[in-house]
Amino acid sequence: MTQTRLEHDLLGEREVPAERYYGIQTLRALENFNFTGIPVAHYPQFIKSLAYIKKAAALANAELGLLEPRLAQAIAQACDLIVAGRYHEEFVVDVIQGGAGTSTNMNANEVICEPGARTAGA
């Protein structure tokens, strides 16, 4: 039996596999937008590009005083791990999914957030 953790959003609560870094938003995308069966993980260069963008946004927001430097550094370190090839298996949303990229963006945020939290000592 797979261990789960309980997460909630505005739609309610869901059990997410405990071993996965992604969260409830990605789980919902898997259920609602499984069009081709080809996950974003199939395109490592795309994943790396997302990580570069997320890192740049975190560092820019820290420089502007909109994000705590400690959090920006944790996000940057998590993004560096993704660029290096770690956590790609966590990018599970369908490559052709609804929401104008929202599901892919949330999947990236959930993957970056968990490794980043561990780096920041949360």
N, C-alpha and C. Protein backbone atom coordinates (compact mmCIF):
# COMPACT_ATOMS: atom_id res chain seq x y z
N MET A 1 0.83 -1.18 0.00
CA MET A 1 0.00 0.00 0.00
C MET A 1 0.88 1.25 0.00
N THR A 2 0.58 2.19 -0.85
CA THR A 2 1.35 3.41 -0.98
C THR A 2 1.02 4.37 0.16
N GLN A 3 2.05 4.92 0.77
CA GLN A 3 1.87 5.94 1.80
C GLN A 3 1.48 7.25 1.13
N THR A 4 0.63 8.01 1.79
CA THR A 4 0.18 9.29 1.24
C THR A 4 0.30 10.38 2.29
N ARG A 5 0.21 11.61 1.82
CA ARG A 5 0.10 12.76 2.71
C ARG A 5 -1.14 13.53 2.28
N LEU A 6 -1.79 14.17 3.20
CA LEU A 6 -3.00 14.90 2.91
C LEU A 6 -2.66 16.36 2.60
N GLU A 7 -3.11 16.85 1.46
CA GLU A 7 -2.94 18.25 1.08
C GLU A 7 -4.31 18.83 0.77
N HIS A 8 -4.42 20.13 0.86
CA HIS A 8 -5.70 20.77 0.54
C HIS A 8 -5.47 22.03 -0.29
N ASP A 9 -6.51 22.34 -1.05
CA ASP A 9 -6.55 23.57 -1.83
C ASP A 9 -7.98 24.09 -1.76
N LEU A 10 -8.33 25.04 -2.60
CA LEU A 10 -9.67 25.62 -2.55
C LEU A 10 -10.77 24.63 -2.93
N LEU A 11 -10.41 23.55 -3.62
CA LEU A 11 -11.39 22.56 -4.03
C LEU A 11 -11.60 21.46 -2.99
N GLY A 12 -10.71 21.38 -2.02
CA GLY A 12 -10.86 20.36 -0.99
C GLY A 12 -9.54 19.69 -0.68
N GLU A 13 -9.64 18.49 -0.11
CA GLU A 13 -8.47 17.73 0.29
C GLU A 13 -8.25 16.54 -0.63
N ARG A 14 -6.98 16.18 -0.78
CA ARG A 14 -6.61 15.02 -1.61
C ARG A 14 -5.41 14.34 -0.99
N GLU A 15 -5.32 13.06 -1.19
CA GLU A 15 -4.14 12.30 -0.77
C GLU A 15 -3.14 12.28 -1.92
N VAL A 16 -1.92 12.68 -1.62
CA VAL A 16 -0.84 12.73 -2.60
C VAL A 16 0.18 11.67 -2.20
N PRO A 17 0.72 10.90 -3.13
CA PRO A 17 1.73 9.91 -2.76
C PRO A 17 2.87 10.57 -1.96
N ALA A 18 3.18 10.02 -0.81
CA ALA A 18 4.15 10.63 0.11
C ALA A 18 5.54 10.74 -0.48
N GLU A 19 5.90 9.84 -1.37
CA GLU A 19 7.26 9.84 -1.91
C GLU A 19 7.47 10.87 -3.03
N ARG A 20 6.39 11.48 -3.49
CA ARG A 20 6.49 12.44 -4.59
C ARG A 20 6.73 13.85 -4.06
N TYR A 21 7.46 14.63 -4.81
CA TYR A 21 7.70 16.03 -4.44
C TYR A 21 6.56 16.93 -4.87
N TYR A 22 5.85 16.55 -5.93
CA TYR A 22 4.75 17.40 -6.38
C TYR A 22 3.61 17.34 -5.38
N GLY A 23 2.66 18.28 -5.56
CA GLY A 23 1.56 18.41 -4.62
C GLY A 23 0.20 18.28 -5.27
N ILE A 24 -0.79 18.83 -4.61
CA ILE A 24 -2.18 18.67 -4.99
C ILE A 24 -2.49 19.27 -6.36
N GLN A 25 -1.86 20.39 -6.70
CA GLN A 25 -2.13 21.00 -8.01
C GLN A 25 -1.69 20.09 -9.14
N THR A 26 -0.53 19.48 -8.99
CA THR A 26 -0.04 18.56 -10.01
C THR A 26 -0.92 17.32 -10.07
N LEU A 27 -1.33 16.81 -8.92
CA LEU A 27 -2.22 15.65 -8.88
C LEU A 27 -3.51 15.94 -9.64
N ARG A 28 -4.08 17.11 -9.42
CA ARG A 28 -5.31 17.48 -10.14
C ARG A 28 -5.07 17.58 -11.65
N ALA A 29 -3.93 18.11 -12.04
CA ALA A 29 -3.60 18.20 -13.47
C ALA A 29 -3.47 16.81 -14.09
N LEU A 30 -2.87 15.89 -13.35
CA LEU A 30 -2.76 14.51 -13.85
C LEU A 30 -4.13 13.91 -14.12
N GLU A 31 -5.06 14.19 -13.25
CA GLU A 31 -6.40 13.64 -13.38
C GLU A 31 -7.23 14.33 -14.45
N ASN A 32 -7.03 15.62 -14.62
CA ASN A 32 -7.90 16.40 -15.51
C ASN A 32 -7.34 16.67 -16.90
N PHE A 33 -6.04 16.62 -17.06
CA PHE A 33 -5.44 17.01 -18.34
C PHE A 33 -4.50 15.96 -18.90
N ASN A 34 -4.86 14.71 -18.80
CA ASN A 34 -4.03 13.63 -19.34
C ASN A 34 -4.44 13.39 -20.80
N PHE A 35 -3.90 14.21 -21.70
CA PHE A 35 -4.30 14.14 -23.10
C PHE A 35 -3.47 13.16 -23.92
N THR A 36 -2.16 13.22 -23.81
CA THR A 36 -1.30 12.40 -24.67
C THR A 36 -0.63 11.25 -23.94
N GLY A 37 -0.55 11.33 -22.63
CA GLY A 37 0.19 10.33 -21.87
C GLY A 37 1.69 10.56 -21.88
N ILE A 38 2.12 11.67 -22.47
CA ILE A 38 3.54 12.00 -22.52
C ILE A 38 3.81 13.10 -21.48
N PRO A 39 4.58 12.79 -20.44
CA PRO A 39 4.83 13.79 -19.41
C PRO A 39 5.88 14.81 -19.85
N VAL A 40 5.86 15.95 -19.20
CA VAL A 40 6.86 17.00 -19.44
C VAL A 40 8.27 16.43 -19.23
N ALA A 41 8.41 15.44 -18.33
CA ALA A 41 9.71 14.83 -18.06
C ALA A 41 10.37 14.27 -19.32
N HIS A 42 9.58 14.05 -20.34
CA HIS A 42 10.10 13.54 -21.62
C HIS A 42 10.98 14.58 -22.32
N TYR A 43 10.92 15.82 -21.88
CA TYR A 43 11.65 16.92 -22.51
C TYR A 43 12.56 17.61 -21.49
N PRO A 44 13.73 17.03 -21.21
CA PRO A 44 14.61 17.58 -20.17
C PRO A 44 15.06 19.01 -20.44
N GLN A 45 15.23 19.39 -21.67
CA GLN A 45 15.65 20.77 -21.96
C GLN A 45 14.55 21.76 -21.57
N PHE A 46 13.32 21.37 -21.75
CA PHE A 46 12.20 22.22 -21.33
C PHE A 46 12.20 22.39 -19.81
N ILE A 47 12.43 21.29 -19.09
CA ILE A 47 12.49 21.34 -17.63
C ILE A 47 13.62 22.26 -17.17
N LYS A 48 14.78 22.12 -17.79
CA LYS A 48 15.92 22.98 -17.44
C LYS A 48 15.60 24.44 -17.70
N SER A 49 14.93 24.72 -18.81
CA SER A 49 14.54 26.09 -19.13
C SER A 49 13.62 26.67 -18.06
N LEU A 50 12.65 25.88 -17.63
CA LEU A 50 11.76 26.32 -16.55
C LEU A 50 12.55 26.64 -15.29
N ALA A 51 13.51 25.79 -14.96
CA ALA A 51 14.31 26.00 -13.76
C ALA A 51 15.13 27.29 -13.86
N TYR A 52 15.70 27.56 -15.03
CA TYR A 52 16.45 28.81 -15.21
C TYR A 52 15.54 30.03 -15.01
N ILE A 53 14.33 29.95 -15.54
CA ILE A 53 13.38 31.07 -15.41
C ILE A 53 12.98 31.26 -13.95
N LYS A 54 12.67 30.16 -13.26
CA LYS A 54 12.28 30.25 -11.85
C LYS A 54 13.42 30.81 -11.00
N LYS A 55 14.63 30.39 -11.28
CA LYS A 55 15.80 30.89 -10.54
C LYS A 55 15.97 32.38 -10.77
N ALA A 56 15.90 32.81 -12.02
CA ALA A 56 16.05 34.23 -12.33
C ALA A 56 14.97 35.06 -11.66
N ALA A 57 13.74 34.56 -11.65
CA ALA A 57 12.64 35.28 -11.01
C ALA A 57 12.87 35.40 -9.51
N ALA A 58 13.31 34.33 -8.87
CA ALA A 58 13.56 34.37 -7.43
C ALA A 58 14.67 35.36 -7.09
N LEU A 59 15.75 35.32 -7.83
CA LEU A 59 16.87 36.23 -7.55
C LEU A 59 16.49 37.69 -7.82
N ALA A 60 15.73 37.92 -8.89
CA ALA A 60 15.28 39.29 -9.19
C ALA A 60 14.34 39.81 -8.10
N ASN A 61 13.44 38.97 -7.64
CA ASN A 61 12.52 39.38 -6.58
C ASN A 61 13.24 39.64 -5.26
N ALA A 62 14.29 38.88 -5.00
CA ALA A 62 15.09 39.13 -3.80
C ALA A 62 15.82 40.46 -3.92
N GLU A 63 16.37 40.72 -5.09
CA GLU A 63 17.08 41.99 -5.32
C GLU A 63 16.15 43.19 -5.17
N LEU A 64 14.89 43.01 -5.53
CA LEU A 64 13.91 44.09 -5.41
C LEU A 64 13.33 44.19 -3.99
N GLY A 65 13.72 43.27 -3.12
CA GLY A 65 13.22 43.27 -1.76
C GLY A 65 11.84 42.65 -1.60
N LEU A 66 11.41 41.90 -2.60
CA LEU A 66 10.08 41.29 -2.58
C LEU A 66 10.09 39.84 -2.10
N LEU A 67 11.28 39.29 -1.93
CA LEU A 67 11.43 37.90 -1.48
C LEU A 67 12.62 37.85 -0.54
N GLU A 68 12.45 37.16 0.57
CA GLU A 68 13.54 37.03 1.53
C GLU A 68 14.75 36.39 0.85
N PRO A 69 15.94 36.94 1.06
CA PRO A 69 17.14 36.37 0.43
C PRO A 69 17.34 34.89 0.73
N ARG A 70 17.01 34.46 1.95
CA ARG A 70 17.16 33.05 2.31
C ARG A 70 16.27 32.16 1.43
N LEU A 71 15.05 32.61 1.18
CA LEU A 71 14.14 31.84 0.32
C LEU A 71 14.60 31.86 -1.13
N ALA A 72 15.06 33.02 -1.58
CA ALA A 72 15.55 33.13 -2.96
C ALA A 72 16.73 32.19 -3.18
N GLN A 73 17.63 32.11 -2.22
CA GLN A 73 18.77 31.22 -2.34
C GLN A 73 18.35 29.75 -2.34
N ALA A 74 17.37 29.42 -1.51
CA ALA A 74 16.86 28.04 -1.48
C ALA A 74 16.23 27.67 -2.82
N ILE A 75 15.45 28.59 -3.38
CA ILE A 75 14.84 28.35 -4.69
C ILE A 75 15.93 28.21 -5.75
N ALA A 76 16.92 29.09 -5.72
CA ALA A 76 18.01 29.04 -6.69
C ALA A 76 18.76 27.71 -6.60
N GLN A 77 19.02 27.24 -5.39
CA GLN A 77 19.73 25.96 -5.22
C GLN A 77 18.89 24.80 -5.73
N ALA A 78 17.58 24.83 -5.45
CA ALA A 78 16.70 23.78 -5.97
C ALA A 78 16.69 23.80 -7.49
N CYS A 79 16.66 24.98 -8.07
CA CYS A 79 16.68 25.11 -9.53
C CYS A 79 17.98 24.58 -10.10
N ASP A 80 19.09 24.84 -9.42
CA ASP A 80 20.39 24.31 -9.87
C ASP A 80 20.38 22.78 -9.89
N LEU A 81 19.73 22.18 -8.89
CA LEU A 81 19.63 20.72 -8.87
C LEU A 81 18.82 20.21 -10.05
N ILE A 82 17.76 20.91 -10.37
CA ILE A 82 16.92 20.52 -11.51
C ILE A 82 17.69 20.67 -12.81
N VAL A 83 18.42 21.77 -12.96
CA VAL A 83 19.24 21.97 -14.16
C VAL A 83 20.27 20.85 -14.29
N ALA A 84 20.77 20.37 -13.15
CA ALA A 84 21.76 19.29 -13.15
C ALA A 84 21.14 17.91 -13.42
N GLY A 85 19.80 17.87 -13.56
CA GLY A 85 19.14 16.61 -13.91
C GLY A 85 18.38 15.94 -12.79
N ARG A 86 18.39 16.52 -11.59
CA ARG A 86 17.66 15.93 -10.47
C ARG A 86 16.18 16.28 -10.56
N TYR A 87 15.34 15.41 -10.04
CA TYR A 87 13.90 15.61 -9.90
C TYR A 87 13.12 15.67 -11.21
N HIS A 88 13.71 15.35 -12.32
CA HIS A 88 12.98 15.41 -13.59
C HIS A 88 11.79 14.46 -13.60
N GLU A 89 11.88 13.36 -12.87
CA GLU A 89 10.77 12.40 -12.83
C GLU A 89 9.55 12.98 -12.13
N GLU A 90 9.71 14.09 -11.45
CA GLU A 90 8.59 14.75 -10.77
C GLU A 90 7.76 15.62 -11.71
N PHE A 91 8.24 15.84 -12.91
CA PHE A 91 7.52 16.65 -13.90
C PHE A 91 6.59 15.72 -14.68
N VAL A 92 5.43 15.49 -14.10
CA VAL A 92 4.54 14.43 -14.56
C VAL A 92 3.34 14.92 -15.36
N VAL A 93 3.10 16.22 -15.41
CA VAL A 93 1.91 16.69 -16.14
C VAL A 93 2.09 16.44 -17.63
N ASP A 94 0.97 16.30 -18.29
CA ASP A 94 0.96 16.03 -19.72
C ASP A 94 1.58 17.20 -20.48
N VAL A 95 2.39 16.86 -21.46
CA VAL A 95 3.08 17.90 -22.22
C VAL A 95 2.09 18.81 -22.96
N ILE A 96 0.96 18.27 -23.37
CA ILE A 96 -0.09 19.06 -24.00
C ILE A 96 -1.25 19.10 -23.02
N GLN A 97 -1.26 20.11 -22.15
CA GLN A 97 -2.27 20.17 -21.10
C GLN A 97 -3.02 21.49 -21.14
N GLY A 98 -4.18 21.49 -20.51
CA GLY A 98 -5.02 22.68 -20.50
C GLY A 98 -4.53 23.74 -19.55
N GLY A 99 -5.15 24.89 -19.59
CA GLY A 99 -4.84 25.96 -18.64
C GLY A 99 -3.73 26.87 -19.08
N ALA A 100 -3.39 26.89 -20.33
CA ALA A 100 -2.37 27.80 -20.85
C ALA A 100 -1.05 27.68 -20.10
N GLY A 101 -0.70 26.48 -19.69
CA GLY A 101 0.57 26.25 -19.02
C GLY A 101 0.50 26.30 -17.51
N THR A 102 -0.66 26.57 -16.95
CA THR A 102 -0.78 26.67 -15.50
C THR A 102 -0.36 25.38 -14.82
N SER A 103 -0.78 24.24 -15.33
CA SER A 103 -0.43 22.97 -14.70
C SER A 103 1.07 22.73 -14.72
N THR A 104 1.71 23.02 -15.83
CA THR A 104 3.16 22.86 -15.92
C THR A 104 3.86 23.80 -14.95
N ASN A 105 3.39 25.03 -14.88
CA ASN A 105 3.98 26.01 -13.96
C ASN A 105 3.83 25.56 -12.51
N MET A 106 2.65 25.09 -12.14
CA MET A 106 2.44 24.64 -10.77
C MET A 106 3.27 23.40 -10.47
N ASN A 107 3.38 22.49 -11.42
CA ASN A 107 4.21 21.30 -11.25
C ASN A 107 5.65 21.72 -10.95
N ALA A 108 6.16 22.69 -11.71
CA ALA A 108 7.52 23.19 -11.48
C ALA A 108 7.64 23.83 -10.10
N ASN A 109 6.67 24.64 -9.72
CA ASN A 109 6.71 25.30 -8.42
C ASN A 109 6.73 24.28 -7.28
N GLU A 110 5.90 23.20 -7.38
CA GLU A 110 5.84 22.20 -6.32
C GLU A 110 7.14 21.41 -6.26
N VAL A 111 7.72 21.06 -7.39
CA VAL A 111 8.99 20.32 -7.34
C VAL A 111 10.07 21.14 -6.71
N ILE A 112 10.22 22.57 -7.20
CA ILE A 112 11.23 23.51 -6.70
C ILE A 112 11.00 23.80 -5.22
N CYS A 113 9.75 23.90 -4.82
CA CYS A 113 9.42 24.27 -3.45
C CYS A 113 9.91 23.23 -2.45
N GLU A 114 9.68 21.98 -2.70
CA GLU A 114 10.07 20.94 -1.73
C GLU A 114 11.59 20.83 -1.58
N PRO A 115 12.35 20.69 -2.66
CA PRO A 115 13.80 20.67 -2.47
C PRO A 115 14.31 21.99 -1.90
N GLY A 116 13.69 23.08 -2.27
CA GLY A 116 14.10 24.38 -1.74
C GLY A 116 13.85 24.49 -0.25
N ALA A 117 12.74 23.94 0.20
CA ALA A 117 12.43 23.96 1.64
C ALA A 117 13.46 23.15 2.41
N ARG A 118 13.89 22.05 1.84
CA ARG A 118 14.89 21.24 2.52
C ARG A 118 16.23 21.98 2.57
N THR A 119 16.57 22.69 1.50
CA THR A 119 17.81 23.46 1.45
C THR A 119 17.78 24.60 2.46
N ALA A 120 16.62 25.23 2.62
CA ALA A 120 16.48 26.37 3.52
C ALA A 120 16.36 25.96 4.97
N GLY A 121 16.28 24.66 5.22
CA GLY A 121 16.19 24.17 6.58
C GLY A 121 14.80 24.21 7.16
N ALA A 122 13.78 24.28 6.30
CA ALA A 122 12.39 24.32 6.78
C ALA A 122 11.93 22.96 7.22
